[in-house]
Structures are given as structure tokens and as C-alpha cells.
Amino acid sequence: MRDLLSQEEFNELKNSSNKHVFLFSANWCGDCRFIEPFMPDVEQKYSEYTFIHIDRDKFIDTCIELDVFGIPSFVAFEDGKELGRFVSKDRKTQEEIESFIESL
């Protein structure tokens, strides 16, 4: 999973015809660290999506714009339209994340 580099890049990815899942997290977030070991498996299983990591502390304005106040959180986009969101401050399991992606 690669890191988001700029707000401009976020806008380009969000509005592209490709499917993107944006993962909002932060280095200090224990629940965000919890999902790291299994996220490569999730990415591989759902390869029709491009997964992008967004550091909440670097892109707080993007978080505010999308009403993402709890982390880790996921928001999916295609063609500028939000496909779905899994946004909360709760710890997420691999099964919960996969269920969210399958619901898109």
C-alpha cells in the first residue's frame, strides 16, 4: 500500500475511473497497527481496488472534508463517487474489512 503524497493526488485518485480504497490511519494509532499484518492479504484478495494509505495527521483537512474522525477508517471511491465507507474509531478485524469491501 502506498502513501498519499498530496491533496491534489487525492483529488485525482478519487475522481479517476479506477476503484480506490483510502485507508485513514496514523503512526500513533494502536488499532491502525493491529490491521497492518493482514492488510497485504486484503489488498491481494481485492486487487480490483487500489489501496492508498492516508496519514490522518498530514491530511487532517481531507479527514474533515470526508467526516473521518475515527481511525482506522476506510472510504472507497470510483469516478468521483463514494462507493462506501467503514468509518469508526473501533478496532477492525480482517473479516470486517473484507465484508466492507465485498459490500461495495
PDB file of N, CA and C in Angstrom:
ATOM      1  N   MET A   1       0.860  -1.177   0.000  1.00  0.00           N
ATOM      2  CA  MET A   1       0.000   0.000   0.000  1.00  0.00           C
ATOM      3  C   MET A   1       0.896   1.226   0.000  1.00  0.00           C
ATOM      4  N   ARG A   2       0.584   2.127  -0.882  1.00  0.00           N
ATOM      5  CA  ARG A   2       1.432   3.315  -0.939  1.00  0.00           C
ATOM      6  C   ARG A   2       0.760   4.478  -0.201  1.00  0.00           C
ATOM      7  N   ASP A   3       1.604   5.437   0.168  1.00  0.00           N
ATOM      8  CA  ASP A   3       1.134   6.603   0.911  1.00  0.00           C
ATOM      9  C   ASP A   3       0.671   7.697  -0.038  1.00  0.00           C
ATOM     10  N   LEU A   4      -0.379   8.400   0.367  1.00  0.00           N
ATOM     11  CA  LEU A   4      -0.821   9.579  -0.352  1.00  0.00           C
ATOM     12  C   LEU A   4       0.224  10.673  -0.205  1.00  0.00           C
ATOM     13  N   LEU A   5       0.526  11.368  -1.302  1.00  0.00           N
ATOM     14  CA  LEU A   5       1.573  12.385  -1.279  1.00  0.00           C
ATOM     15  C   LEU A   5       1.049  13.811  -1.196  1.00  0.00           C
ATOM     16  N   SER A   6      -0.166  14.062  -1.714  1.00  0.00           N
ATOM     17  CA  SER A   6      -0.664  15.434  -1.712  1.00  0.00           C
ATOM     18  C   SER A   6      -2.190  15.443  -1.817  1.00  0.00           C
ATOM     19  N   GLN A   7      -2.773  16.579  -1.487  1.00  0.00           N
ATOM     20  CA  GLN A   7      -4.221  16.759  -1.633  1.00  0.00           C
ATOM     21  C   GLN A   7      -4.602  16.670  -3.107  1.00  0.00           C
ATOM     22  N   GLU A   8      -3.758  17.178  -3.971  1.00  0.00           N
ATOM     23  CA  GLU A   8      -4.023  17.118  -5.411  1.00  0.00           C
ATOM     24  C   GLU A   8      -4.089  15.668  -5.879  1.00  0.00           C
ATOM     25  N   GLU A   9      -3.162  14.846  -5.371  1.00  0.00           N
ATOM     26  CA  GLU A   9      -3.174  13.430  -5.733  1.00  0.00           C
ATOM     27  C   GLU A   9      -4.462  12.768  -5.238  1.00  0.00           C
ATOM     28  N   PHE A  10      -4.907  13.099  -4.045  1.00  0.00           N
ATOM     29  CA  PHE A  10      -6.156  12.542  -3.530  1.00  0.00           C
ATOM     30  C   PHE A  10      -7.311  12.865  -4.473  1.00  0.00           C
ATOM     31  N   ASN A  11      -7.400  14.120  -4.890  1.00  0.00           N
ATOM     32  CA  ASN A  11      -8.488  14.530  -5.787  1.00  0.00           C
ATOM     33  C   ASN A  11      -8.422  13.780  -7.113  1.00  0.00           C
ATOM     34  N   GLU A  12      -7.216  13.610  -7.654  1.00  0.00           N
ATOM     35  CA  GLU A  12      -7.049  12.884  -8.910  1.00  0.00           C
ATOM     36  C   GLU A  12      -7.479  11.416  -8.755  1.00  0.00           C
ATOM     37  N   LEU A  13      -7.021  10.770  -7.690  1.00  0.00           N
ATOM     38  CA  LEU A  13      -7.354   9.364  -7.472  1.00  0.00           C
ATOM     39  C   LEU A  13      -8.847   9.182  -7.209  1.00  0.00           C
ATOM     40  N   LYS A  14      -9.390  10.049  -6.395  1.00  0.00           N
ATOM     41  CA  LYS A  14     -10.814   9.972  -6.039  1.00  0.00           C
ATOM     42  C   LYS A  14     -11.691  10.101  -7.284  1.00  0.00           C
ATOM     43  N   ASN A  15     -11.290  10.944  -8.198  1.00  0.00           N
ATOM     44  CA  ASN A  15     -12.106  11.228  -9.382  1.00  0.00           C
ATOM     45  C   ASN A  15     -11.774  10.346 -10.579  1.00  0.00           C
ATOM     46  N   SER A  16     -10.806   9.460 -10.453  1.00  0.00           N
ATOM     47  CA  SER A  16     -10.428   8.611 -11.581  1.00  0.00           C
ATOM     48  C   SER A  16     -11.456   7.494 -11.763  1.00  0.00           C
ATOM     49  N   SER A  17     -11.381   6.844 -12.906  1.00  0.00           N
ATOM     50  CA  SER A  17     -12.320   5.757 -13.194  1.00  0.00           C
ATOM     51  C   SER A  17     -11.925   4.461 -12.500  1.00  0.00           C
ATOM     52  N   ASN A  18     -10.760   4.437 -11.881  1.00  0.00           N
ATOM     53  CA  ASN A  18     -10.329   3.258 -11.137  1.00  0.00           C
ATOM     54  C   ASN A  18     -10.950   3.267  -9.744  1.00  0.00           C
ATOM     55  N   LYS A  19     -11.058   2.081  -9.173  1.00  0.00           N
ATOM     56  CA  LYS A  19     -11.609   1.947  -7.827  1.00  0.00           C
ATOM     57  C   LYS A  19     -10.487   2.086  -6.806  1.00  0.00           C
ATOM     58  N   HIS A  20     -10.698   2.968  -5.842  1.00  0.00           N
ATOM     59  CA  HIS A  20      -9.703   3.201  -4.797  1.00  0.00           C
ATOM     60  C   HIS A  20     -10.333   3.015  -3.425  1.00  0.00           C
ATOM     61  N   VAL A  21      -9.568   2.413  -2.532  1.00  0.00           N
ATOM     62  CA  VAL A  21      -9.940   2.354  -1.126  1.00  0.00           C
ATOM     63  C   VAL A  21      -8.882   3.137  -0.367  1.00  0.00           C
ATOM     64  N   PHE A  22      -9.318   4.190   0.294  1.00  0.00           N
ATOM     65  CA  PHE A  22      -8.413   5.034   1.077  1.00  0.00           C
ATOM     66  C   PHE A  22      -8.484   4.587   2.532  1.00  0.00           C
ATOM     67  N   LEU A  23      -7.309   4.256   3.076  1.00  0.00           N
ATOM     68  CA  LEU A  23      -7.195   3.861   4.480  1.00  0.00           C
ATOM     69  C   LEU A  23      -6.634   5.039   5.267  1.00  0.00           C
ATOM     70  N   PHE A  24      -7.427   5.549   6.179  1.00  0.00           N
ATOM     71  CA  PHE A  24      -7.006   6.652   7.048  1.00  0.00           C
ATOM     72  C   PHE A  24      -6.468   6.066   8.340  1.00  0.00           C
ATOM     73  N   SER A  25      -5.240   6.443   8.682  1.00  0.00           N
ATOM     74  CA  SER A  25      -4.642   5.956   9.924  1.00  0.00           C
ATOM     75  C   SER A  25      -3.572   6.938  10.392  1.00  0.00           C
ATOM     76  N   ALA A  26      -2.874   6.551  11.452  1.00  0.00           N
ATOM     77  CA  ALA A  26      -1.785   7.368  11.985  1.00  0.00           C
ATOM     78  C   ALA A  26      -0.780   6.455  12.682  1.00  0.00           C
ATOM     79  N   ASN A  27       0.463   6.893  12.737  1.00  0.00           N
ATOM     80  CA  ASN A  27       1.529   6.088  13.341  1.00  0.00           C
ATOM     81  C   ASN A  27       1.279   5.778  14.814  1.00  0.00           C
ATOM     82  N   TRP A  28       0.634   6.683  15.516  1.00  0.00           N
ATOM     83  CA  TRP A  28       0.435   6.527  16.953  1.00  0.00           C
ATOM     84  C   TRP A  28      -0.797   5.682  17.294  1.00  0.00           C
ATOM     85  N   CYS A  29      -1.558   5.268  16.291  1.00  0.00           N
ATOM     86  CA  CYS A  29      -2.835   4.587  16.488  1.00  0.00           C
ATOM     87  C   CYS A  29      -2.629   3.075  16.645  1.00  0.00           C
ATOM     88  N   GLY A  30      -2.860   2.552  17.836  1.00  0.00           N
ATOM     89  CA  GLY A  30      -2.681   1.129  18.091  1.00  0.00           C
ATOM     90  C   GLY A  30      -3.597   0.248  17.259  1.00  0.00           C
ATOM     91  N   ASP A  31      -4.847   0.668  17.065  1.00  0.00           N
ATOM     92  CA  ASP A  31      -5.774  -0.120  16.254  1.00  0.00           C
ATOM     93  C   ASP A  31      -5.365  -0.115  14.784  1.00  0.00           C
ATOM     94  N   CYS A  32      -4.695   0.946  14.350  1.00  0.00           N
ATOM     95  CA  CYS A  32      -4.167   1.004  12.977  1.00  0.00           C
ATOM     96  C   CYS A  32      -3.007   0.024  12.821  1.00  0.00           C
ATOM     97  N   ARG A  33      -2.169  -0.073  13.843  1.00  0.00           N
ATOM     98  CA  ARG A  33      -1.051  -1.027  13.800  1.00  0.00           C
ATOM     99  C   ARG A  33      -1.571  -2.464  13.793  1.00  0.00           C
ATOM    100  N   PHE A  34      -2.700  -2.692  14.455  1.00  0.00           N
ATOM    101  CA  PHE A  34      -3.291  -4.023  14.552  1.00  0.00           C
ATOM    102  C   PHE A  34      -3.629  -4.596  13.177  1.00  0.00           C
ATOM    103  N   ILE A  35      -4.100  -3.755  12.243  1.00  0.00           N
ATOM    104  CA  ILE A  35      -4.525  -4.260  10.929  1.00  0.00           C
ATOM    105  C   ILE A  35      -3.363  -4.405   9.943  1.00  0.00           C
ATOM    106  N   GLU A  36      -2.211  -3.819  10.243  1.00  0.00           N
ATOM    107  CA  GLU A  36      -1.078  -3.845   9.302  1.00  0.00           C
ATOM    108  C   GLU A  36      -0.659  -5.243   8.857  1.00  0.00           C
ATOM    109  N   PRO A  37      -0.572  -6.239   9.763  1.00  0.00           N
ATOM    110  CA  PRO A  37      -0.087  -7.553   9.326  1.00  0.00           C
ATOM    111  C   PRO A  37      -0.955  -8.225   8.266  1.00  0.00           C
ATOM    112  N   PHE A  38      -2.270  -7.997   8.292  1.00  0.00           N
ATOM    113  CA  PHE A  38      -3.127  -8.681   7.330  1.00  0.00           C
ATOM    114  C   PHE A  38      -3.574  -7.825   6.151  1.00  0.00           C
ATOM    115  N   MET A  39      -3.251  -6.551   6.135  1.00  0.00           N
ATOM    116  CA  MET A  39      -3.676  -5.713   5.005  1.00  0.00           C
ATOM    117  C   MET A  39      -3.074  -6.153   3.665  1.00  0.00           C
ATOM    118  N   PRO A  40      -1.822  -6.638   3.594  1.00  0.00           N
ATOM    119  CA  PRO A  40      -1.336  -7.127   2.292  1.00  0.00           C
ATOM    120  C   PRO A  40      -2.199  -8.261   1.738  1.00  0.00           C
ATOM    121  N   ASP A  41      -2.712  -9.125   2.599  1.00  0.00           N
ATOM    122  CA  ASP A  41      -3.604 -10.191   2.150  1.00  0.00           C
ATOM    123  C   ASP A  41      -4.918  -9.627   1.620  1.00  0.00           C
ATOM    124  N   VAL A  42      -5.445  -8.617   2.295  1.00  0.00           N
ATOM    125  CA  VAL A  42      -6.688  -7.975   1.856  1.00  0.00           C
ATOM    126  C   VAL A  42      -6.460  -7.316   0.489  1.00  0.00           C
ATOM    127  N   GLU A  43      -5.348  -6.607   0.354  1.00  0.00           N
ATOM    128  CA  GLU A  43      -5.040  -5.966  -0.926  1.00  0.00           C
ATOM    129  C   GLU A  43      -4.941  -6.977  -2.056  1.00  0.00           C
ATOM    130  N   GLN A  44      -4.302  -8.092  -1.783  1.00  0.00           N
ATOM    131  CA  GLN A  44      -4.135  -9.123  -2.808  1.00  0.00           C
ATOM    132  C   GLN A  44      -5.486  -9.747  -3.174  1.00  0.00           C
ATOM    133  N   LYS A  45      -6.319  -9.983  -2.195  1.00  0.00           N
ATOM    134  CA  LYS A  45      -7.624 -10.615  -2.419  1.00  0.00           C
ATOM    135  C   LYS A  45      -8.556  -9.710  -3.225  1.00  0.00           C
ATOM    136  N   TYR A  46      -8.432  -8.405  -3.023  1.00  0.00           N
ATOM    137  CA  TYR A  46      -9.313  -7.439  -3.688  1.00  0.00           C
ATOM    138  C   TYR A  46      -8.488  -6.557  -4.621  1.00  0.00           C
ATOM    139  N   SER A  47      -7.832  -7.193  -5.564  1.00  0.00           N
ATOM    140  CA  SER A  47      -6.886  -6.491  -6.435  1.00  0.00           C
ATOM    141  C   SER A  47      -7.569  -5.560  -7.438  1.00  0.00           C
ATOM    142  N   GLU A  48      -8.893  -5.617  -7.544  1.00  0.00           N
ATOM    143  CA  GLU A  48      -9.593  -4.674  -8.417  1.00  0.00           C
ATOM    144  C   GLU A  48      -9.608  -3.265  -7.819  1.00  0.00           C
ATOM    145  N   TYR A  49      -9.205  -3.164  -6.553  1.00  0.00           N
ATOM    146  CA  TYR A  49      -9.097  -1.872  -5.874  1.00  0.00           C
ATOM    147  C   TYR A  49      -7.633  -1.518  -5.683  1.00  0.00           C
ATOM    148  N   THR A  50      -7.344  -0.230  -5.769  1.00  0.00           N
ATOM    149  CA  THR A  50      -6.031   0.279  -5.392  1.00  0.00           C
ATOM    150  C   THR A  50      -6.169   0.852  -3.990  1.00  0.00           C
ATOM    151  N   PHE A  51      -5.344   0.380  -3.081  1.00  0.00           N
ATOM    152  CA  PHE A  51      -5.402   0.818  -1.689  1.00  0.00           C
ATOM    153  C   PHE A  51      -4.370   1.923  -1.474  1.00  0.00           C
ATOM    154  N   ILE A  52      -4.820   3.022  -0.879  1.00  0.00           N
ATOM    155  CA  ILE A  52      -3.964   4.180  -0.615  1.00  0.00           C
ATOM    156  C   ILE A  52      -4.036   4.522   0.866  1.00  0.00           C
ATOM    157  N   HIS A  53      -2.875   4.619   1.492  1.00  0.00           N
ATOM    158  CA  HIS A  53      -2.797   4.995   2.905  1.00  0.00           C
ATOM    159  C   HIS A  53      -2.776   6.516   3.026  1.00  0.00           C
ATOM    160  N   ILE A  54      -3.637   7.047   3.884  1.00  0.00           N
ATOM    161  CA  ILE A  54      -3.666   8.484   4.158  1.00  0.00           C
ATOM    162  C   ILE A  54      -3.340   8.695   5.626  1.00  0.00           C
ATOM    163  N   ASP A  55      -2.241   9.387   5.876  1.00  0.00           N
ATOM    164  CA  ASP A  55      -1.835   9.720   7.245  1.00  0.00           C
ATOM    165  C   ASP A  55      -2.755  10.818   7.763  1.00  0.00           C
ATOM    166  N   ARG A  56      -3.531  10.483   8.759  1.00  0.00           N
ATOM    167  CA  ARG A  56      -4.518  11.413   9.309  1.00  0.00           C
ATOM    168  C   ARG A  56      -3.884  12.725   9.755  1.00  0.00           C
ATOM    169  N   ASP A  57      -2.693  12.662  10.310  1.00  0.00           N
ATOM    170  CA  ASP A  57      -2.049  13.866  10.821  1.00  0.00           C
ATOM    171  C   ASP A  57      -1.551  14.779   9.701  1.00  0.00           C
ATOM    172  N   LYS A  58      -1.170  14.210   8.566  1.00  0.00           N
ATOM    173  CA  LYS A  58      -0.692  15.011   7.438  1.00  0.00           C
ATOM    174  C   LYS A  58      -1.844  15.573   6.600  1.00  0.00           C
ATOM    175  N   PHE A  59      -2.990  14.881   6.625  1.00  0.00           N
ATOM    176  CA  PHE A  59      -4.114  15.269   5.773  1.00  0.00           C
ATOM    177  C   PHE A  59      -5.384  15.458   6.596  1.00  0.00           C
ATOM    178  N   ILE A  60      -5.269  16.233   7.663  1.00  0.00           N
ATOM    179  CA  ILE A  60      -6.406  16.452   8.555  1.00  0.00           C
ATOM    180  C   ILE A  60      -7.551  17.155   7.829  1.00  0.00           C
ATOM    181  N   ASP A  61      -7.241  18.040   6.876  1.00  0.00           N
ATOM    182  CA  ASP A  61      -8.307  18.724   6.128  1.00  0.00           C
ATOM    183  C   ASP A  61      -9.105  17.740   5.284  1.00  0.00           C
ATOM    184  N   THR A  62      -8.434  16.744   4.732  1.00  0.00           N
ATOM    185  CA  THR A  62      -9.125  15.710   3.962  1.00  0.00           C
ATOM    186  C   THR A  62     -10.032  14.903   4.887  1.00  0.00           C
ATOM    187  N   CYS A  63      -9.553  14.602   6.078  1.00  0.00           N
ATOM    188  CA  CYS A  63     -10.372  13.890   7.060  1.00  0.00           C
ATOM    189  C   CYS A  63     -11.622  14.690   7.409  1.00  0.00           C
ATOM    190  N   ILE A  64     -11.442  15.976   7.626  1.00  0.00           N
ATOM    191  CA  ILE A  64     -12.580  16.836   7.962  1.00  0.00           C
ATOM    192  C   ILE A  64     -13.567  16.877   6.801  1.00  0.00           C
ATOM    193  N   GLU A  65     -13.042  17.035   5.588  1.00  0.00           N
ATOM    194  CA  GLU A  65     -13.883  17.092   4.387  1.00  0.00           C
ATOM    195  C   GLU A  65     -14.743  15.832   4.237  1.00  0.00           C
ATOM    196  N   LEU A  66     -14.168  14.680   4.602  1.00  0.00           N
ATOM    197  CA  LEU A  66     -14.867  13.401   4.441  1.00  0.00           C
ATOM    198  C   LEU A  66     -15.541  12.909   5.727  1.00  0.00           C
ATOM    199  N   ASP A  67     -15.524  13.726   6.781  1.00  0.00           N
ATOM    200  CA  ASP A  67     -16.096  13.336   8.075  1.00  0.00           C
ATOM    201  C   ASP A  67     -15.473  12.052   8.607  1.00  0.00           C
ATOM    202  N   VAL A  68     -14.161  11.961   8.505  1.00  0.00           N
ATOM    203  CA  VAL A  68     -13.422  10.822   9.052  1.00  0.00           C
ATOM    204  C   VAL A  68     -12.754  11.302  10.334  1.00  0.00           C
ATOM    205  N   PHE A  69     -13.362  10.962  11.464  1.00  0.00           N
ATOM    206  CA  PHE A  69     -12.826  11.421  12.740  1.00  0.00           C
ATOM    207  C   PHE A  69     -12.312  10.288  13.606  1.00  0.00           C
ATOM    208  N   GLY A  70     -12.604   9.057  13.231  1.00  0.00           N
ATOM    209  CA  GLY A  70     -12.078   7.899  13.921  1.00  0.00           C
ATOM    210  C   GLY A  70     -11.186   7.114  12.978  1.00  0.00           C
ATOM    211  N   ILE A  71     -10.151   6.504  13.524  1.00  0.00           N
ATOM    212  CA  ILE A  71      -9.247   5.708  12.701  1.00  0.00           C
ATOM    213  C   ILE A  71      -8.967   4.385  13.394  1.00  0.00           C
ATOM    214  N   PRO A  72      -8.650   3.339  12.653  1.00  0.00           N
ATOM    215  CA  PRO A  72      -8.527   3.299  11.198  1.00  0.00           C
ATOM    216  C   PRO A  72      -9.908   3.335  10.534  1.00  0.00           C
ATOM    217  N   SER A  73      -9.965   3.981   9.382  1.00  0.00           N
ATOM    218  CA  SER A  73     -11.212   4.065   8.626  1.00  0.00           C
ATOM    219  C   SER A  73     -10.923   3.891   7.150  1.00  0.00           C
ATOM    220  N   PHE A  74     -11.932   3.416   6.430  1.00  0.00           N
ATOM    221  CA  PHE A  74     -11.820   3.150   5.006  1.00  0.00           C
ATOM    222  C   PHE A  74     -12.925   3.889   4.265  1.00  0.00           C
ATOM    223  N   VAL A  75     -12.561   4.541   3.145  1.00  0.00           N
ATOM    224  CA  VAL A  75     -13.540   5.171   2.269  1.00  0.00           C
ATOM    225  C   VAL A  75     -13.167   4.787   0.841  1.00  0.00           C
ATOM    226  N   ALA A  76     -14.155   4.284   0.089  1.00  0.00           N
ATOM    227  CA  ALA A  76     -13.916   3.826  -1.280  1.00  0.00           C
ATOM    228  C   ALA A  76     -14.558   4.779  -2.279  1.00  0.00           C
ATOM    229  N   PHE A  77     -13.846   5.025  -3.396  1.00  0.00           N
ATOM    230  CA  PHE A  77     -14.323   5.915  -4.450  1.00  0.00           C
ATOM    231  C   PHE A  77     -14.091   5.298  -5.818  1.00  0.00           C
ATOM    232  N   GLU A  78     -14.968   5.696  -6.749  1.00  0.00           N
ATOM    233  CA  GLU A  78     -14.789   5.409  -8.172  1.00  0.00           C
ATOM    234  C   GLU A  78     -15.503   6.517  -8.930  1.00  0.00           C
ATOM    235  N   ASP A  79     -14.852   7.077  -9.935  1.00  0.00           N
ATOM    236  CA  ASP A  79     -15.445   8.143 -10.760  1.00  0.00           C
ATOM    237  C   ASP A  79     -15.957   9.318  -9.930  1.00  0.00           C
ATOM    238  N   GLY A  80     -15.255   9.641  -8.843  1.00  0.00           N
ATOM    239  CA  GLY A  80     -15.643  10.773  -8.022  1.00  0.00           C
ATOM    240  C   GLY A  80     -16.821  10.508  -7.102  1.00  0.00           C
ATOM    241  N   LYS A  81     -17.342   9.289  -7.118  1.00  0.00           N
ATOM    242  CA  LYS A  81     -18.483   8.943  -6.275  1.00  0.00           C
ATOM    243  C   LYS A  81     -18.022   8.020  -5.144  1.00  0.00           C
ATOM    244  N   GLU A  82     -18.515   8.306  -3.975  1.00  0.00           N
ATOM    245  CA  GLU A  82     -18.201   7.438  -2.843  1.00  0.00           C
ATOM    246  C   GLU A  82     -18.981   6.143  -2.983  1.00  0.00           C
ATOM    247  N   LEU A  83     -18.250   5.032  -2.974  1.00  0.00           N
ATOM    248  CA  LEU A  83     -18.870   3.715  -3.085  1.00  0.00           C
ATOM    249  C   LEU A  83     -19.328   3.195  -1.727  1.00  0.00           C
ATOM    250  N   GLY A  84     -18.620   3.618  -0.686  1.00  0.00           N
ATOM    251  CA  GLY A  84     -18.964   3.174   0.655  1.00  0.00           C
ATOM    252  C   GLY A  84     -17.901   3.589   1.643  1.00  0.00           C
ATOM    253  N   ARG A  85     -18.227   3.429   2.923  1.00  0.00           N
ATOM    254  CA  ARG A  85     -17.284   3.795   3.981  1.00  0.00           C
ATOM    255  C   ARG A  85     -17.435   2.871   5.172  1.00  0.00           C
ATOM    256  N   PHE A  86     -16.308   2.649   5.808  1.00  0.00           N
ATOM    257  CA  PHE A  86     -16.237   1.873   7.042  1.00  0.00           C
ATOM    258  C   PHE A  86     -15.463   2.774   7.991  1.00  0.00           C
ATOM    259  N   VAL A  87     -16.204   3.687   8.609  1.00  0.00           N
ATOM    260  CA  VAL A  87     -15.593   4.768   9.382  1.00  0.00           C
ATOM    261  C   VAL A  87     -16.042   4.672  10.829  1.00  0.00           C
ATOM    262  N   SER A  88     -15.065   4.456  11.705  1.00  0.00           N
ATOM    263  CA  SER A  88     -15.327   4.455  13.143  1.00  0.00           C
ATOM    264  C   SER A  88     -13.989   4.471  13.856  1.00  0.00           C
ATOM    265  N   LYS A  89     -14.046   4.637  15.162  1.00  0.00           N
ATOM    266  CA  LYS A  89     -12.816   4.632  15.953  1.00  0.00           C
ATOM    267  C   LYS A  89     -12.507   3.240  16.484  1.00  0.00           C
ATOM    268  N   ASP A  90     -13.336   2.254  16.122  1.00  0.00           N
ATOM    269  CA  ASP A  90     -13.196   0.909  16.660  1.00  0.00           C
ATOM    270  C   ASP A  90     -12.125   0.104  15.925  1.00  0.00           C
ATOM    271  N   ARG A  91     -11.529  -0.840  16.644  1.00  0.00           N
ATOM    272  CA  ARG A  91     -10.597  -1.795  16.042  1.00  0.00           C
ATOM    273  C   ARG A  91     -11.370  -2.624  15.020  1.00  0.00           C
ATOM    274  N   LYS A  92     -10.712  -2.907  13.891  1.00  0.00           N
ATOM    275  CA  LYS A  92     -11.361  -3.655  12.829  1.00  0.00           C
ATOM    276  C   LYS A  92     -10.627  -4.968  12.590  1.00  0.00           C
ATOM    277  N   THR A  93     -11.401  -6.024  12.373  1.00  0.00           N
ATOM    278  CA  THR A  93     -10.806  -7.318  12.069  1.00  0.00           C
ATOM    279  C   THR A  93     -10.675  -7.477  10.562  1.00  0.00           C
ATOM    280  N   GLN A  94      -9.882  -8.447  10.147  1.00  0.00           N
ATOM    281  CA  GLN A  94      -9.745  -8.731   8.719  1.00  0.00           C
ATOM    282  C   GLN A  94     -11.114  -9.095   8.133  1.00  0.00           C
ATOM    283  N   GLU A  95     -11.898  -9.861   8.849  1.00  0.00           N
ATOM    284  CA  GLU A  95     -13.215 -10.272   8.375  1.00  0.00           C
ATOM    285  C   GLU A  95     -14.130  -9.062   8.185  1.00  0.00           C
ATOM    286  N   GLU A  96     -14.088  -8.122   9.114  1.00  0.00           N
ATOM    287  CA  GLU A  96     -14.929  -6.924   8.991  1.00  0.00           C
ATOM    288  C   GLU A  96     -14.509  -6.084   7.786  1.00  0.00           C
ATOM    289  N   ILE A  97     -13.213  -5.944   7.568  1.00  0.00           N
ATOM    290  CA  ILE A  97     -12.722  -5.158   6.436  1.00  0.00           C
ATOM    291  C   ILE A  97     -13.104  -5.838   5.124  1.00  0.00           C
ATOM    292  N   GLU A  98     -12.944  -7.149   5.060  1.00  0.00           N
ATOM    293  CA  GLU A  98     -13.293  -7.871   3.833  1.00  0.00           C
ATOM    294  C   GLU A  98     -14.802  -7.805   3.584  1.00  0.00           C
ATOM    295  N   SER A  99     -15.591  -7.882   4.622  1.00  0.00           N
ATOM    296  CA  SER A  99     -17.036  -7.764   4.483  1.00  0.00           C
ATOM    297  C   SER A  99     -17.423  -6.389   3.942  1.00  0.00           C
ATOM    298  N   PHE A 100     -16.761  -5.353   4.424  1.00  0.00           N
ATOM    299  CA  PHE A 100     -16.996  -4.000   3.910  1.00  0.00           C
ATOM    300  C   PHE A 100     -16.679  -3.927   2.429  1.00  0.00           C
ATOM    301  N   ILE A 101     -15.518  -4.429   2.023  1.00  0.00           N
ATOM    302  CA  ILE A 101     -15.118  -4.355   0.612  1.00  0.00           C
ATOM    303  C   ILE A 101     -16.087  -5.154  -0.262  1.00  0.00           C
ATOM    304  N   GLU A 102     -16.504  -6.309   0.203  1.00  0.00           N
ATOM    305  CA  GLU A 102     -17.458  -7.110  -0.573  1.00  0.00           C
ATOM    306  C   GLU A 102     -18.806  -6.434  -0.720  1.00  0.00           C
ATOM    307  N   SER A 103     -19.137  -5.532   0.199  1.00  0.00           N
ATOM    308  CA  SER A 103     -20.425  -4.829   0.142  1.00  0.00           C
ATOM    309  C   SER A 103     -20.422  -3.663  -0.848  1.00  0.00           C
ATOM    310  N   LEU A 104     -19.241  -3.316  -1.359  1.00  0.00           N
ATOM    311  CA  LEU A 104     -19.140  -2.163  -2.256  1.00  0.00           C
ATOM    312  C   LEU A 104     -19.777  -2.457  -3.609  1.00  0.00           C
TER     313      LEU A 104
END
